[in-house]
PDB file of all heavy atoms in Angstrom:
ATOM      1  N   LEU A   1      -8.531  15.506 -36.598  1.00  0.00           N
ATOM      2  CA  LEU A   1      -7.284  16.003 -36.007  1.00  0.00           C
ATOM      3  C   LEU A   1      -7.535  17.192 -35.082  1.00  0.00           C
ATOM      4  O   LEU A   1      -6.972  17.268 -33.985  1.00  0.00           O
ATOM      5  CB  LEU A   1      -6.273  16.350 -37.102  1.00  0.00           C
ATOM      6  CG  LEU A   1      -5.804  15.160 -37.947  1.00  0.00           C
ATOM      7  CD1 LEU A   1      -4.822  15.615 -39.015  1.00  0.00           C
ATOM      8  CD2 LEU A   1      -5.191  14.075 -37.065  1.00  0.00           C
ATOM      9  N   TRP A   2      -8.391  18.116 -35.526  1.00  0.00           N
ATOM     10  CA  TRP A   2      -8.770  19.244 -34.665  1.00  0.00           C
ATOM     11  C   TRP A   2      -9.500  18.734 -33.425  1.00  0.00           C
ATOM     12  O   TRP A   2      -9.280  19.215 -32.320  1.00  0.00           O
ATOM     13  CB  TRP A   2      -9.669  20.225 -35.404  1.00  0.00           C
ATOM     14  CG  TRP A   2      -8.928  21.244 -36.200  1.00  0.00           C
ATOM     15  CD1 TRP A   2      -8.794  21.285 -37.547  1.00  0.00           C
ATOM     16  CD2 TRP A   2      -8.214  22.375 -35.694  1.00  0.00           C
ATOM     17  NE1 TRP A   2      -8.038  22.361 -37.920  1.00  0.00           N
ATOM     18  CE2 TRP A   2      -7.665  23.060 -36.800  1.00  0.00           C
ATOM     19  CE3 TRP A   2      -7.988  22.874 -34.418  1.00  0.00           C
ATOM     20  CZ2 TRP A   2      -6.909  24.209 -36.656  1.00  0.00           C
ATOM     21  CZ3 TRP A   2      -7.233  24.032 -34.284  1.00  0.00           C
ATOM     22  CH2 TRP A   2      -6.703  24.671 -35.397  1.00  0.00           C
ATOM     23  N   ALA A   3     -10.378  17.777 -33.635  1.00  0.00           N
ATOM     24  CA  ALA A   3     -11.189  17.260 -32.529  1.00  0.00           C
ATOM     25  C   ALA A   3     -10.317  16.612 -31.461  1.00  0.00           C
ATOM     26  O   ALA A   3     -10.451  16.932 -30.274  1.00  0.00           O
ATOM     27  CB  ALA A   3     -12.226  16.268 -33.047  1.00  0.00           C
ATOM     28  N   VAL A   4      -9.417  15.713 -31.867  1.00  0.00           N
ATOM     29  CA  VAL A   4      -8.601  15.022 -30.864  1.00  0.00           C
ATOM     30  C   VAL A   4      -7.610  15.978 -30.202  1.00  0.00           C
ATOM     31  O   VAL A   4      -7.322  15.856 -29.007  1.00  0.00           O
ATOM     32  CB  VAL A   4      -7.882  13.770 -31.424  1.00  0.00           C
ATOM     33  CG1 VAL A   4      -8.897  12.742 -31.885  1.00  0.00           C
ATOM     34  CG2 VAL A   4      -6.907  14.093 -32.517  1.00  0.00           C
ATOM     35  N   ALA A   5      -7.102  16.943 -30.970  1.00  0.00           N
ATOM     36  CA  ALA A   5      -6.190  17.931 -30.371  1.00  0.00           C
ATOM     37  C   ALA A   5      -6.932  18.772 -29.332  1.00  0.00           C
ATOM     38  O   ALA A   5      -6.426  18.990 -28.213  1.00  0.00           O
ATOM     39  CB  ALA A   5      -5.591  18.826 -31.458  1.00  0.00           C
ATOM     40  N   LEU A   6      -8.122  19.212 -29.676  1.00  0.00           N
ATOM     41  CA  LEU A   6      -8.908  20.032 -28.753  1.00  0.00           C
ATOM     42  C   LEU A   6      -9.309  19.241 -27.512  1.00  0.00           C
ATOM     43  O   LEU A   6      -9.215  19.743 -26.388  1.00  0.00           O
ATOM     44  CB  LEU A   6     -10.144  20.587 -29.467  1.00  0.00           C
ATOM     45  CG  LEU A   6     -10.962  21.618 -28.713  1.00  0.00           C
ATOM     46  CD1 LEU A   6     -10.114  22.834 -28.339  1.00  0.00           C
ATOM     47  CD2 LEU A   6     -12.137  22.066 -29.561  1.00  0.00           C
ATOM     48  N   ILE A   7      -9.720  18.002 -27.701  1.00  0.00           N
ATOM     49  CA  ILE A   7     -10.092  17.152 -26.567  1.00  0.00           C
ATOM     50  C   ILE A   7      -8.882  16.901 -25.677  1.00  0.00           C
ATOM     51  O   ILE A   7      -8.966  17.001 -24.447  1.00  0.00           O
ATOM     52  CB  ILE A   7     -10.711  15.821 -27.061  1.00  0.00           C
ATOM     53  CG1 ILE A   7     -12.088  16.074 -27.665  1.00  0.00           C
ATOM     54  CG2 ILE A   7     -10.797  14.804 -25.922  1.00  0.00           C
ATOM     55  CD1 ILE A   7     -12.654  14.889 -28.439  1.00  0.00           C
ATOM     56  N   GLY A   8      -7.739  16.591 -26.277  1.00  0.00           N
ATOM     57  CA  GLY A   8      -6.528  16.327 -25.496  1.00  0.00           C
ATOM     58  C   GLY A   8      -6.060  17.539 -24.708  1.00  0.00           C
ATOM     59  O   GLY A   8      -5.750  17.446 -23.513  1.00  0.00           O
ATOM     60  N   VAL A   9      -6.015  18.700 -25.365  1.00  0.00           N
ATOM     61  CA  VAL A   9      -5.552  19.926 -24.703  1.00  0.00           C
ATOM     62  C   VAL A   9      -6.538  20.353 -23.607  1.00  0.00           C
ATOM     63  O   VAL A   9      -6.122  20.736 -22.503  1.00  0.00           O
ATOM     64  CB  VAL A   9      -5.348  21.061 -25.737  1.00  0.00           C
ATOM     65  CG1 VAL A   9      -5.152  22.406 -25.066  1.00  0.00           C
ATOM     66  CG2 VAL A   9      -4.159  20.734 -26.638  1.00  0.00           C
ATOM     67  N   THR A  10      -7.828  20.270 -23.895  1.00  0.00           N
ATOM     68  CA  THR A  10      -8.837  20.638 -22.900  1.00  0.00           C
ATOM     69  C   THR A  10      -8.752  19.725 -21.682  1.00  0.00           C
ATOM     70  O   THR A  10      -8.770  20.198 -20.535  1.00  0.00           O
ATOM     71  CB  THR A  10     -10.253  20.583 -23.517  1.00  0.00           C
ATOM     72  OG1 THR A  10     -10.295  21.461 -24.641  1.00  0.00           O
ATOM     73  CG2 THR A  10     -11.320  20.975 -22.515  1.00  0.00           C
ATOM     74  N   THR A  11      -8.633  18.428 -21.919  1.00  0.00           N
ATOM     75  CA  THR A  11      -8.543  17.478 -20.808  1.00  0.00           C
ATOM     76  C   THR A  11      -7.251  17.682 -20.025  1.00  0.00           C
ATOM     77  O   THR A  11      -7.249  17.591 -18.792  1.00  0.00           O
ATOM     78  CB  THR A  11      -8.652  16.026 -21.316  1.00  0.00           C
ATOM     79  OG1 THR A  11      -9.879  15.885 -22.031  1.00  0.00           O
ATOM     80  CG2 THR A  11      -8.624  15.035 -20.167  1.00  0.00           C
ATOM     81  N   PHE A  12      -6.159  17.962 -20.728  1.00  0.00           N
ATOM     82  CA  PHE A  12      -4.899  18.255 -20.046  1.00  0.00           C
ATOM     83  C   PHE A  12      -5.092  19.423 -19.080  1.00  0.00           C
ATOM     84  O   PHE A  12      -4.716  19.352 -17.908  1.00  0.00           O
ATOM     85  CB  PHE A  12      -3.798  18.582 -21.065  1.00  0.00           C
ATOM     86  CG  PHE A  12      -2.489  18.969 -20.431  1.00  0.00           C
ATOM     87  CD1 PHE A  12      -1.538  18.001 -20.126  1.00  0.00           C
ATOM     88  CD2 PHE A  12      -2.209  20.291 -20.126  1.00  0.00           C
ATOM     89  CE1 PHE A  12      -0.331  18.346 -19.526  1.00  0.00           C
ATOM     90  CE2 PHE A  12      -1.008  20.653 -19.524  1.00  0.00           C
ATOM     91  CZ  PHE A  12      -0.065  19.679 -19.229  1.00  0.00           C
ATOM     92  N   ALA A  13      -5.699  20.498 -19.574  1.00  0.00           N
ATOM     93  CA  ALA A  13      -5.888  21.700 -18.754  1.00  0.00           C
ATOM     94  C   ALA A  13      -6.807  21.422 -17.561  1.00  0.00           C
ATOM     95  O   ALA A  13      -6.518  21.827 -16.429  1.00  0.00           O
ATOM     96  CB  ALA A  13      -6.449  22.837 -19.605  1.00  0.00           C
ATOM     97  N   PHE A  14      -7.925  20.726 -17.805  1.00  0.00           N
ATOM     98  CA  PHE A  14      -8.849  20.422 -16.708  1.00  0.00           C
ATOM     99  C   PHE A  14      -8.218  19.470 -15.700  1.00  0.00           C
ATOM    100  O   PHE A  14      -8.470  19.576 -14.499  1.00  0.00           O
ATOM    101  CB  PHE A  14     -10.160  19.835 -17.249  1.00  0.00           C
ATOM    102  CG  PHE A  14     -11.185  20.868 -17.579  1.00  0.00           C
ATOM    103  CD1 PHE A  14     -11.288  21.372 -18.863  1.00  0.00           C
ATOM    104  CD2 PHE A  14     -12.058  21.344 -16.622  1.00  0.00           C
ATOM    105  CE1 PHE A  14     -12.231  22.333 -19.182  1.00  0.00           C
ATOM    106  CE2 PHE A  14     -13.008  22.309 -16.921  1.00  0.00           C
ATOM    107  CZ  PHE A  14     -13.097  22.806 -18.203  1.00  0.00           C
ATOM    108  N   SER A  15      -7.407  18.534 -16.170  1.00  0.00           N
ATOM    109  CA  SER A  15      -6.754  17.588 -15.260  1.00  0.00           C
ATOM    110  C   SER A  15      -5.730  18.303 -14.389  1.00  0.00           C
ATOM    111  O   SER A  15      -5.639  18.052 -13.183  1.00  0.00           O
ATOM    112  CB  SER A  15      -6.082  16.466 -16.056  1.00  0.00           C
ATOM    113  OG  SER A  15      -7.053  15.747 -16.788  1.00  0.00           O
ATOM    114  N   TRP A  16      -4.945  19.172 -15.007  1.00  0.00           N
ATOM    115  CA  TRP A  16      -3.967  19.976 -14.256  1.00  0.00           C
ATOM    116  C   TRP A  16      -4.695  20.766 -13.168  1.00  0.00           C
ATOM    117  O   TRP A  16      -4.313  20.746 -12.002  1.00  0.00           O
ATOM    118  CB  TRP A  16      -3.240  20.915 -15.220  1.00  0.00           C
ATOM    119  CG  TRP A  16      -2.167  21.763 -14.604  1.00  0.00           C
ATOM    120  CD1 TRP A  16      -2.324  22.738 -13.655  1.00  0.00           C
ATOM    121  CD2 TRP A  16      -0.773  21.714 -14.886  1.00  0.00           C
ATOM    122  NE1 TRP A  16      -1.123  23.310 -13.347  1.00  0.00           N
ATOM    123  CE2 TRP A  16      -0.143  22.699 -14.087  1.00  0.00           C
ATOM    124  CE3 TRP A  16      -0.003  20.970 -15.749  1.00  0.00           C
ATOM    125  CZ2 TRP A  16       1.221  22.933 -14.124  1.00  0.00           C
ATOM    126  CZ3 TRP A  16       1.369  21.208 -15.787  1.00  0.00           C
ATOM    127  CH2 TRP A  16       1.960  22.170 -14.973  1.00  0.00           C
ATOM    128  N   ALA A  17      -5.756  21.456 -13.586  1.00  0.00           N
ATOM    129  CA  ALA A  17      -6.528  22.259 -12.639  1.00  0.00           C
ATOM    130  C   ALA A  17      -7.176  21.385 -11.578  1.00  0.00           C
ATOM    131  O   ALA A  17      -7.270  21.781 -10.404  1.00  0.00           O
ATOM    132  CB  ALA A  17      -7.593  23.062 -13.384  1.00  0.00           C
ATOM    133  N   GLY A  18      -7.627  20.189 -11.966  1.00  0.00           N
ATOM    134  CA  GLY A  18      -8.278  19.288 -11.019  1.00  0.00           C
ATOM    135  C   GLY A  18      -7.370  18.884  -9.873  1.00  0.00           C
ATOM    136  O   GLY A  18      -7.812  18.811  -8.715  1.00  0.00           O
ATOM    137  N   VAL A  19      -6.114  18.615 -10.178  1.00  0.00           N
ATOM    138  CA  VAL A  19      -5.162  18.264  -9.125  1.00  0.00           C
ATOM    139  C   VAL A  19      -5.032  19.427  -8.148  1.00  0.00           C
ATOM    140  O   VAL A  19      -5.066  19.246  -6.927  1.00  0.00           O
ATOM    141  CB  VAL A  19      -3.782  17.876  -9.717  1.00  0.00           C
ATOM    142  CG1 VAL A  19      -2.741  17.712  -8.615  1.00  0.00           C
ATOM    143  CG2 VAL A  19      -3.886  16.596 -10.541  1.00  0.00           C
ATOM    144  N   LYS A  20      -4.929  20.633  -8.681  1.00  0.00           N
ATOM    145  CA  LYS A  20      -4.803  21.825  -7.828  1.00  0.00           C
ATOM    146  C   LYS A  20      -6.081  22.061  -7.017  1.00  0.00           C
ATOM    147  O   LYS A  20      -6.032  22.323  -5.815  1.00  0.00           O
ATOM    148  CB  LYS A  20      -4.496  23.070  -8.677  1.00  0.00           C
ATOM    149  CG  LYS A  20      -3.093  23.106  -9.201  1.00  0.00           C
ATOM    150  CD  LYS A  20      -2.129  23.211  -8.050  1.00  0.00           C
ATOM    151  CE  LYS A  20      -0.787  23.730  -8.498  1.00  0.00           C
ATOM    152  NZ  LYS A  20       0.151  23.797  -7.376  1.00  0.00           N
ATOM    153  N   VAL A  21      -7.234  21.962  -7.673  1.00  0.00           N
ATOM    154  CA  VAL A  21      -8.516  22.172  -6.991  1.00  0.00           C
ATOM    155  C   VAL A  21      -8.703  21.139  -5.884  1.00  0.00           C
ATOM    156  O   VAL A  21      -9.093  21.481  -4.766  1.00  0.00           O
ATOM    157  CB  VAL A  21      -9.694  22.129  -7.991  1.00  0.00           C
ATOM    158  CG1 VAL A  21     -11.036  22.023  -7.283  1.00  0.00           C
ATOM    159  CG2 VAL A  21      -9.668  23.346  -8.897  1.00  0.00           C
ATOM    160  N   GLY A  22      -8.414  19.890  -6.197  1.00  0.00           N
ATOM    161  CA  GLY A  22      -8.553  18.834  -5.199  1.00  0.00           C
ATOM    162  C   GLY A  22      -7.655  19.066  -4.008  1.00  0.00           C
ATOM    163  O   GLY A  22      -8.062  18.855  -2.853  1.00  0.00           O
ATOM    164  N   ASN A  23      -6.461  19.515  -4.273  1.00  0.00           N
ATOM    165  CA  ASN A  23      -5.523  19.775  -3.192  1.00  0.00           C
ATOM    166  C   ASN A  23      -5.948  20.985  -2.367  1.00  0.00           C
ATOM    167  O   ASN A  23      -5.741  21.017  -1.157  1.00  0.00           O
ATOM    168  CB  ASN A  23      -4.119  19.964  -3.772  1.00  0.00           C
ATOM    169  CG  ASN A  23      -3.054  19.876  -2.718  1.00  0.00           C
ATOM    170  OD1 ASN A  23      -2.407  20.864  -2.401  1.00  0.00           O
ATOM    171  ND2 ASN A  23      -2.878  18.683  -2.161  1.00  0.00           N
ATOM    172  N   LEU A  24      -6.566  21.968  -2.994  1.00  0.00           N
ATOM    173  CA  LEU A  24      -6.960  23.190  -2.285  1.00  0.00           C
ATOM    174  C   LEU A  24      -8.327  23.094  -1.605  1.00  0.00           C
ATOM    175  O   LEU A  24      -8.512  23.527  -0.481  1.00  0.00           O
ATOM    176  CB  LEU A  24      -6.981  24.375  -3.244  1.00  0.00           C
ATOM    177  CG  LEU A  24      -5.632  24.847  -3.776  1.00  0.00           C
ATOM    178  CD1 LEU A  24      -5.827  25.927  -4.836  1.00  0.00           C
ATOM    179  CD2 LEU A  24      -4.760  25.362  -2.649  1.00  0.00           C
ATOM    180  N   PHE A  25      -9.307  22.545  -2.312  1.00  0.00           N
ATOM    181  CA  PHE A  25     -10.689  22.635  -1.843  1.00  0.00           C
ATOM    182  C   PHE A  25     -11.335  21.319  -1.438  1.00  0.00           C
ATOM    183  O   PHE A  25     -12.454  21.322  -0.948  1.00  0.00           O
ATOM    184  CB  PHE A  25     -11.570  23.281  -2.922  1.00  0.00           C
ATOM    185  CG  PHE A  25     -11.150  24.669  -3.261  1.00  0.00           C
ATOM    186  CD1 PHE A  25     -10.562  24.946  -4.473  1.00  0.00           C
ATOM    187  CD2 PHE A  25     -11.338  25.700  -2.358  1.00  0.00           C
ATOM    188  CE1 PHE A  25     -10.168  26.232  -4.796  1.00  0.00           C
ATOM    189  CE2 PHE A  25     -10.948  26.983  -2.669  1.00  0.00           C
ATOM    190  CZ  PHE A  25     -10.363  27.256  -3.886  1.00  0.00           C
ATOM    191  N   GLY A  26     -10.711  20.213  -1.723  1.00  0.00           N
ATOM    192  CA  GLY A  26     -11.285  18.937  -1.340  1.00  0.00           C
ATOM    193  C   GLY A  26     -12.266  18.397  -2.365  1.00  0.00           C
ATOM    194  O   GLY A  26     -12.295  18.826  -3.507  1.00  0.00           O
ATOM    195  N   ALA A  27     -13.102  17.472  -1.946  1.00  0.00           N
ATOM    196  CA  ALA A  27     -13.982  16.724  -2.839  1.00  0.00           C
ATOM    197  C   ALA A  27     -15.259  17.475  -3.207  1.00  0.00           C
ATOM    198  O   ALA A  27     -16.122  16.933  -3.883  1.00  0.00           O
ATOM    199  CB  ALA A  27     -14.354  15.389  -2.191  1.00  0.00           C
ATOM    200  N   LYS A  28     -15.383  18.711  -2.809  1.00  0.00           N
ATOM    201  CA  LYS A  28     -16.607  19.492  -2.999  1.00  0.00           C
ATOM    202  C   LYS A  28     -17.072  19.558  -4.453  1.00  0.00           C
ATOM    203  O   LYS A  28     -18.263  19.524  -4.737  1.00  0.00           O
ATOM    204  CB  LYS A  28     -16.351  20.901  -2.466  1.00  0.00           C
ATOM    205  CG  LYS A  28     -17.518  21.816  -2.468  1.00  0.00           C
ATOM    206  CD  LYS A  28     -17.099  23.133  -1.837  1.00  0.00           C
ATOM    207  CE  LYS A  28     -18.228  24.118  -1.815  1.00  0.00           C
ATOM    208  NZ  LYS A  28     -17.823  25.378  -1.238  1.00  0.00           N
ATOM    209  N   PHE A  29     -16.135  19.646  -5.422  1.00  0.00           N
ATOM    210  CA  PHE A  29     -16.498  19.869  -6.824  1.00  0.00           C
ATOM    211  C   PHE A  29     -16.555  18.601  -7.675  1.00  0.00           C
ATOM    212  O   PHE A  29     -16.974  18.649  -8.808  1.00  0.00           O
ATOM    213  CB  PHE A  29     -15.523  20.858  -7.471  1.00  0.00           C
ATOM    214  CG  PHE A  29     -15.537  22.204  -6.818  1.00  0.00           C
ATOM    215  CD1 PHE A  29     -14.488  22.618  -6.031  1.00  0.00           C
ATOM    216  CD2 PHE A  29     -16.628  23.049  -6.982  1.00  0.00           C
ATOM    217  CE1 PHE A  29     -14.507  23.857  -5.422  1.00  0.00           C
ATOM    218  CE2 PHE A  29     -16.659  24.291  -6.370  1.00  0.00           C
ATOM    219  CZ  PHE A  29     -15.595  24.695  -5.587  1.00  0.00           C
TER     220      PHE A  29
END
């Protein structure tokens, strides 16, 4: 339960940031 919660929350945060990063900086990362 801790594992899936941590994986889900971490991926949510990275995905949110990824949309912003992609929109700001392009495919560089």
